[in-house]
N, C-alpha and C. Protein backbone atom coordinates (compact mmCIF):
# COMPACT_ATOMS: atom_id res chain seq x y z
N UNK A 1 17.96 -21.82 11.60
CA UNK A 1 19.25 -22.43 11.38
C UNK A 1 19.67 -23.11 12.68
N UNK A 2 20.13 -24.29 12.57
CA UNK A 2 20.56 -25.02 13.76
C UNK A 2 21.99 -24.65 14.12
N UNK A 3 22.28 -24.74 15.39
CA UNK A 3 23.62 -24.40 15.88
C UNK A 3 24.65 -25.32 15.25
N UNK A 4 25.73 -24.74 14.80
CA UNK A 4 26.80 -25.53 14.22
C UNK A 4 26.62 -25.83 12.74
N UNK A 5 25.47 -25.48 12.17
CA UNK A 5 25.25 -25.72 10.74
C UNK A 5 26.10 -24.75 9.92
N UNK A 6 26.56 -25.21 8.80
CA UNK A 6 27.39 -24.37 7.94
C UNK A 6 26.58 -23.22 7.36
N UNK A 7 27.19 -22.06 7.31
CA UNK A 7 26.56 -20.90 6.70
C UNK A 7 26.97 -20.88 5.24
N UNK A 8 25.98 -20.78 4.37
CA UNK A 8 26.24 -20.75 2.94
C UNK A 8 26.01 -19.32 2.45
N UNK A 9 27.04 -18.66 1.92
CA UNK A 9 26.88 -17.29 1.44
C UNK A 9 25.74 -17.18 0.43
N UNK A 10 24.86 -16.19 0.64
CA UNK A 10 23.75 -15.95 -0.27
C UNK A 10 22.55 -16.85 -0.05
N UNK A 11 22.62 -17.72 0.95
CA UNK A 11 21.53 -18.66 1.21
C UNK A 11 20.31 -17.93 1.77
N UNK A 12 19.14 -18.36 1.36
CA UNK A 12 17.89 -17.86 1.92
C UNK A 12 17.34 -18.89 2.88
N UNK A 13 16.97 -18.46 4.08
CA UNK A 13 16.34 -19.34 5.06
C UNK A 13 14.92 -18.83 5.27
N UNK A 14 13.94 -19.63 4.89
CA UNK A 14 12.55 -19.23 4.96
C UNK A 14 11.91 -19.71 6.24
N UNK A 15 10.99 -18.89 6.77
CA UNK A 15 10.22 -19.27 7.95
C UNK A 15 9.28 -20.41 7.58
N UNK A 16 8.95 -21.23 8.55
CA UNK A 16 8.03 -22.33 8.28
C UNK A 16 6.59 -21.85 8.20
N UNK A 17 6.25 -20.81 8.96
CA UNK A 17 4.89 -20.29 8.98
C UNK A 17 4.80 -19.04 8.11
N UNK A 18 3.60 -18.76 7.57
CA UNK A 18 3.45 -17.54 6.77
C UNK A 18 3.68 -16.29 7.63
N UNK A 19 4.15 -15.24 7.00
CA UNK A 19 4.33 -13.96 7.68
C UNK A 19 3.02 -13.19 7.58
N UNK A 20 2.48 -12.80 8.71
CA UNK A 20 1.20 -12.09 8.76
C UNK A 20 1.49 -10.60 8.91
N UNK A 21 0.87 -9.78 8.09
CA UNK A 21 1.04 -8.33 8.19
C UNK A 21 -0.32 -7.66 8.24
N UNK A 22 -0.38 -6.51 8.89
CA UNK A 22 -1.59 -5.70 9.04
C UNK A 22 -2.72 -6.44 9.75
N UNK A 23 -2.38 -7.45 10.52
CA UNK A 23 -3.40 -8.22 11.23
C UNK A 23 -4.12 -7.34 12.25
N UNK A 24 -5.44 -7.42 12.26
CA UNK A 24 -6.26 -6.69 13.22
C UNK A 24 -6.53 -5.25 12.84
N UNK A 25 -6.02 -4.79 11.72
CA UNK A 25 -6.27 -3.41 11.30
C UNK A 25 -7.61 -3.31 10.59
N UNK A 26 -8.24 -2.16 10.72
CA UNK A 26 -9.50 -1.90 10.02
C UNK A 26 -9.22 -1.88 8.52
N UNK A 27 -10.03 -2.60 7.76
CA UNK A 27 -9.82 -2.71 6.31
C UNK A 27 -10.96 -1.99 5.58
N UNK A 28 -10.60 -1.15 4.62
CA UNK A 28 -11.56 -0.47 3.76
C UNK A 28 -11.40 -1.05 2.36
N UNK A 29 -12.51 -1.51 1.77
CA UNK A 29 -12.47 -2.06 0.41
C UNK A 29 -13.01 -1.02 -0.57
N UNK A 30 -12.29 -0.82 -1.66
CA UNK A 30 -12.69 0.12 -2.69
C UNK A 30 -12.47 -0.49 -4.07
N UNK A 31 -13.26 -0.02 -5.04
CA UNK A 31 -13.01 -0.36 -6.43
C UNK A 31 -12.37 0.85 -7.08
N UNK A 32 -11.27 0.62 -7.78
CA UNK A 32 -10.49 1.68 -8.41
C UNK A 32 -10.52 1.46 -9.92
N UNK A 33 -10.82 2.51 -10.67
CA UNK A 33 -10.80 2.45 -12.13
C UNK A 33 -9.75 3.42 -12.64
N UNK A 34 -8.87 2.95 -13.47
CA UNK A 34 -7.89 3.82 -14.10
C UNK A 34 -8.54 4.43 -15.33
N UNK A 35 -8.94 5.70 -15.23
CA UNK A 35 -9.58 6.40 -16.33
C UNK A 35 -8.56 7.07 -17.25
N UNK A 36 -7.29 6.93 -16.94
CA UNK A 36 -6.22 7.53 -17.75
C UNK A 36 -5.92 6.64 -18.96
N UNK A 37 -5.00 7.09 -19.79
CA UNK A 37 -4.67 6.34 -21.00
C UNK A 37 -3.40 5.52 -20.89
N UNK A 38 -2.82 5.46 -19.68
CA UNK A 38 -1.61 4.66 -19.47
C UNK A 38 -1.66 4.03 -18.08
N UNK A 39 -0.90 2.97 -17.85
CA UNK A 39 -0.91 2.30 -16.54
C UNK A 39 -0.43 3.22 -15.42
N UNK A 40 -0.96 2.98 -14.23
CA UNK A 40 -0.57 3.72 -13.03
C UNK A 40 -0.20 2.69 -11.97
N UNK A 41 0.90 2.92 -11.29
CA UNK A 41 1.33 2.01 -10.23
C UNK A 41 1.39 2.79 -8.92
N UNK A 42 0.86 2.18 -7.83
CA UNK A 42 0.86 2.81 -6.51
C UNK A 42 1.56 1.88 -5.54
N UNK A 43 2.53 2.42 -4.81
CA UNK A 43 3.32 1.64 -3.87
C UNK A 43 2.63 1.38 -2.55
N UNK A 44 3.19 0.45 -1.80
CA UNK A 44 2.59 -0.05 -0.56
C UNK A 44 2.34 1.00 0.50
N UNK A 45 3.17 2.01 0.62
CA UNK A 45 3.03 2.96 1.73
C UNK A 45 2.66 4.36 1.26
N UNK A 46 2.16 4.49 0.05
CA UNK A 46 1.75 5.79 -0.48
C UNK A 46 0.36 6.13 0.06
N UNK A 47 0.16 7.39 0.50
CA UNK A 47 -1.16 7.83 0.96
C UNK A 47 -2.12 7.73 -0.22
N UNK A 48 -2.98 6.71 -0.19
CA UNK A 48 -3.76 6.34 -1.37
C UNK A 48 -4.69 7.45 -1.84
N UNK A 49 -5.19 8.27 -0.93
CA UNK A 49 -6.08 9.37 -1.33
C UNK A 49 -5.39 10.35 -2.27
N UNK A 50 -4.06 10.40 -2.23
CA UNK A 50 -3.30 11.31 -3.08
C UNK A 50 -2.70 10.63 -4.31
N UNK A 51 -3.17 9.43 -4.59
CA UNK A 51 -2.66 8.70 -5.76
C UNK A 51 -3.03 9.46 -7.04
N UNK A 52 -2.44 9.06 -8.14
CA UNK A 52 -2.60 9.67 -9.45
C UNK A 52 -4.06 10.11 -9.71
N UNK A 53 -4.27 11.36 -10.15
CA UNK A 53 -5.64 11.84 -10.40
C UNK A 53 -6.36 11.10 -11.51
N UNK A 54 -5.65 10.30 -12.31
CA UNK A 54 -6.29 9.48 -13.34
C UNK A 54 -7.03 8.28 -12.77
N UNK A 55 -6.81 8.00 -11.49
CA UNK A 55 -7.52 6.89 -10.84
C UNK A 55 -8.83 7.40 -10.28
N UNK A 56 -9.91 6.69 -10.57
CA UNK A 56 -11.25 7.07 -10.14
C UNK A 56 -11.68 6.16 -8.99
N UNK A 57 -11.85 6.75 -7.78
CA UNK A 57 -12.29 6.00 -6.60
C UNK A 57 -12.72 7.01 -5.54
N UNK A 58 -13.28 6.54 -4.44
CA UNK A 58 -13.74 7.39 -3.34
C UNK A 58 -12.53 7.87 -2.53
N UNK A 59 -12.02 9.04 -2.86
CA UNK A 59 -10.83 9.56 -2.19
C UNK A 59 -11.10 9.90 -0.73
N UNK A 60 -12.32 10.28 -0.39
CA UNK A 60 -12.66 10.54 1.01
C UNK A 60 -12.52 9.29 1.85
N UNK A 61 -12.97 8.16 1.33
CA UNK A 61 -12.85 6.89 2.06
C UNK A 61 -11.40 6.45 2.17
N UNK A 62 -10.54 6.92 1.25
CA UNK A 62 -9.13 6.52 1.24
C UNK A 62 -8.25 7.44 2.08
N UNK A 63 -8.81 8.54 2.60
CA UNK A 63 -8.00 9.50 3.36
C UNK A 63 -7.35 8.83 4.57
N UNK A 64 -6.06 8.99 4.71
CA UNK A 64 -5.33 8.43 5.85
C UNK A 64 -5.02 6.95 5.72
N UNK A 65 -5.18 6.40 4.51
CA UNK A 65 -5.00 4.96 4.33
C UNK A 65 -3.97 4.65 3.24
N UNK A 66 -3.49 3.41 3.26
CA UNK A 66 -2.54 2.89 2.27
C UNK A 66 -3.00 1.51 1.85
N UNK A 67 -2.40 0.99 0.79
CA UNK A 67 -2.76 -0.34 0.32
C UNK A 67 -2.42 -1.41 1.35
N UNK A 68 -3.27 -2.41 1.45
CA UNK A 68 -3.06 -3.54 2.36
C UNK A 68 -2.27 -4.62 1.62
N UNK A 69 -1.01 -4.29 1.33
CA UNK A 69 -0.12 -5.21 0.63
C UNK A 69 1.23 -5.21 1.34
N UNK A 70 2.06 -6.15 1.01
CA UNK A 70 3.37 -6.26 1.65
C UNK A 70 4.24 -5.04 1.36
N UNK A 71 5.05 -4.65 2.34
CA UNK A 71 5.96 -3.52 2.18
C UNK A 71 6.86 -3.72 0.97
N UNK A 72 7.07 -2.63 0.24
CA UNK A 72 7.95 -2.68 -0.91
C UNK A 72 7.31 -3.18 -2.19
N UNK A 73 6.03 -3.52 -2.13
CA UNK A 73 5.33 -3.98 -3.33
C UNK A 73 4.41 -2.87 -3.83
N UNK A 74 3.72 -3.11 -4.92
CA UNK A 74 2.84 -2.10 -5.51
C UNK A 74 1.69 -2.79 -6.24
N UNK A 75 0.67 -2.00 -6.57
CA UNK A 75 -0.44 -2.47 -7.40
C UNK A 75 -0.42 -1.64 -8.68
N UNK A 76 -0.55 -2.32 -9.79
CA UNK A 76 -0.57 -1.67 -11.11
C UNK A 76 -2.01 -1.63 -11.60
N UNK A 77 -2.45 -0.44 -12.00
CA UNK A 77 -3.80 -0.23 -12.50
C UNK A 77 -3.72 0.02 -14.00
N UNK A 78 -4.26 -0.91 -14.77
CA UNK A 78 -4.26 -0.79 -16.23
C UNK A 78 -5.45 0.07 -16.66
N UNK A 79 -5.33 0.83 -17.74
CA UNK A 79 -6.42 1.70 -18.20
C UNK A 79 -7.71 0.93 -18.45
N UNK A 80 -8.81 1.47 -17.92
CA UNK A 80 -10.14 0.92 -18.18
C UNK A 80 -10.51 -0.34 -17.44
N UNK A 81 -9.64 -0.84 -16.57
CA UNK A 81 -9.91 -2.10 -15.87
C UNK A 81 -10.14 -1.81 -14.38
N UNK A 82 -11.37 -2.08 -13.87
CA UNK A 82 -11.61 -1.86 -12.44
C UNK A 82 -10.85 -2.89 -11.59
N UNK A 83 -10.30 -2.42 -10.48
CA UNK A 83 -9.55 -3.28 -9.57
C UNK A 83 -10.07 -3.07 -8.16
N UNK A 84 -10.40 -4.16 -7.47
CA UNK A 84 -10.80 -4.08 -6.06
C UNK A 84 -9.55 -4.10 -5.20
N UNK A 85 -9.44 -3.12 -4.29
CA UNK A 85 -8.28 -3.05 -3.40
C UNK A 85 -8.75 -2.97 -1.96
N UNK A 86 -7.84 -3.32 -1.06
CA UNK A 86 -8.07 -3.15 0.37
C UNK A 86 -7.09 -2.11 0.88
N UNK A 87 -7.58 -1.23 1.75
CA UNK A 87 -6.74 -0.20 2.35
C UNK A 87 -6.74 -0.37 3.86
N UNK A 88 -5.63 0.00 4.49
CA UNK A 88 -5.51 0.00 5.95
C UNK A 88 -5.01 1.38 6.37
N UNK A 89 -5.31 1.79 7.61
CA UNK A 89 -4.86 3.11 8.07
C UNK A 89 -3.34 3.22 8.12
N UNK A 90 -2.83 4.39 7.74
CA UNK A 90 -1.43 4.71 7.97
C UNK A 90 -1.24 4.81 9.48
N UNK A 91 -0.14 4.33 10.00
CA UNK A 91 0.09 4.40 11.44
C UNK A 91 1.31 5.28 11.72
N UNK A 92 1.83 5.19 12.92
CA UNK A 92 2.95 6.03 13.30
C UNK A 92 2.47 7.44 13.61
N UNK A 93 3.22 8.43 13.22
CA UNK A 93 2.88 9.83 13.50
C UNK A 93 1.70 10.32 12.66
N UNK A 94 1.33 9.60 11.62
CA UNK A 94 0.23 9.96 10.71
C UNK A 94 0.42 11.36 10.12
N UNK A 95 1.64 11.61 9.67
CA UNK A 95 1.98 12.87 9.00
C UNK A 95 2.39 12.53 7.57
N UNK A 96 1.77 13.22 6.60
CA UNK A 96 2.06 12.97 5.19
C UNK A 96 2.55 14.27 4.56
N UNK A 97 3.86 14.50 4.60
CA UNK A 97 4.40 15.70 3.95
C UNK A 97 4.62 15.44 2.46
N UNK A 98 4.53 16.46 1.66
CA UNK A 98 4.88 16.32 0.25
C UNK A 98 3.83 15.57 -0.56
N UNK A 99 4.27 14.57 -1.29
CA UNK A 99 3.46 13.81 -2.25
C UNK A 99 2.84 14.78 -3.25
N UNK A 100 1.53 14.79 -3.38
CA UNK A 100 0.88 15.69 -4.34
C UNK A 100 0.46 17.00 -3.68
N UNK A 101 0.77 17.17 -2.39
CA UNK A 101 0.50 18.43 -1.70
C UNK A 101 -0.94 18.60 -1.25
N UNK A 102 -1.73 17.56 -1.29
CA UNK A 102 -3.14 17.67 -0.90
C UNK A 102 -3.33 17.60 0.61
N UNK A 103 -2.47 16.87 1.30
CA UNK A 103 -2.55 16.77 2.75
C UNK A 103 -1.55 17.72 3.38
N UNK A 104 -0.30 17.58 3.03
CA UNK A 104 0.74 18.49 3.48
C UNK A 104 0.96 18.56 4.97
N UNK A 105 0.78 17.45 5.67
CA UNK A 105 1.02 17.46 7.11
C UNK A 105 0.24 16.38 7.82
N UNK A 106 -0.27 16.74 9.00
CA UNK A 106 -0.96 15.78 9.86
C UNK A 106 -2.27 15.33 9.22
N UNK A 107 -2.51 14.02 9.23
CA UNK A 107 -3.74 13.47 8.65
C UNK A 107 -4.96 13.74 9.52
N UNK A 108 -4.75 13.86 10.81
CA UNK A 108 -5.88 14.00 11.74
C UNK A 108 -6.11 15.43 12.18
N UNK A 109 -5.51 16.40 11.50
CA UNK A 109 -5.66 17.82 11.90
C UNK A 109 -6.98 18.37 11.42
């Protein structure tokens, strides 16, 4: 926004360049199959290894990782349809309390 320009309530001002996220992080690619009978959705910051047990994928490879998608978004897995996903390591304190109770604390312990 230029100085002195009028502010319009509710206006969106978009950046000229794309927003880059997770740049330089190690990426793990997996194929996920929803073997359940209904759709499953997994959010951007959910510890992927603890995702719905109806999803069939290498949970060991997913340990400590989340989907490589924009914050606040999710991936929907339809029954019987394989989906290729990218995962990136969870950062910060790397503590995952709660969820399905499979980790229940520090990821690197």
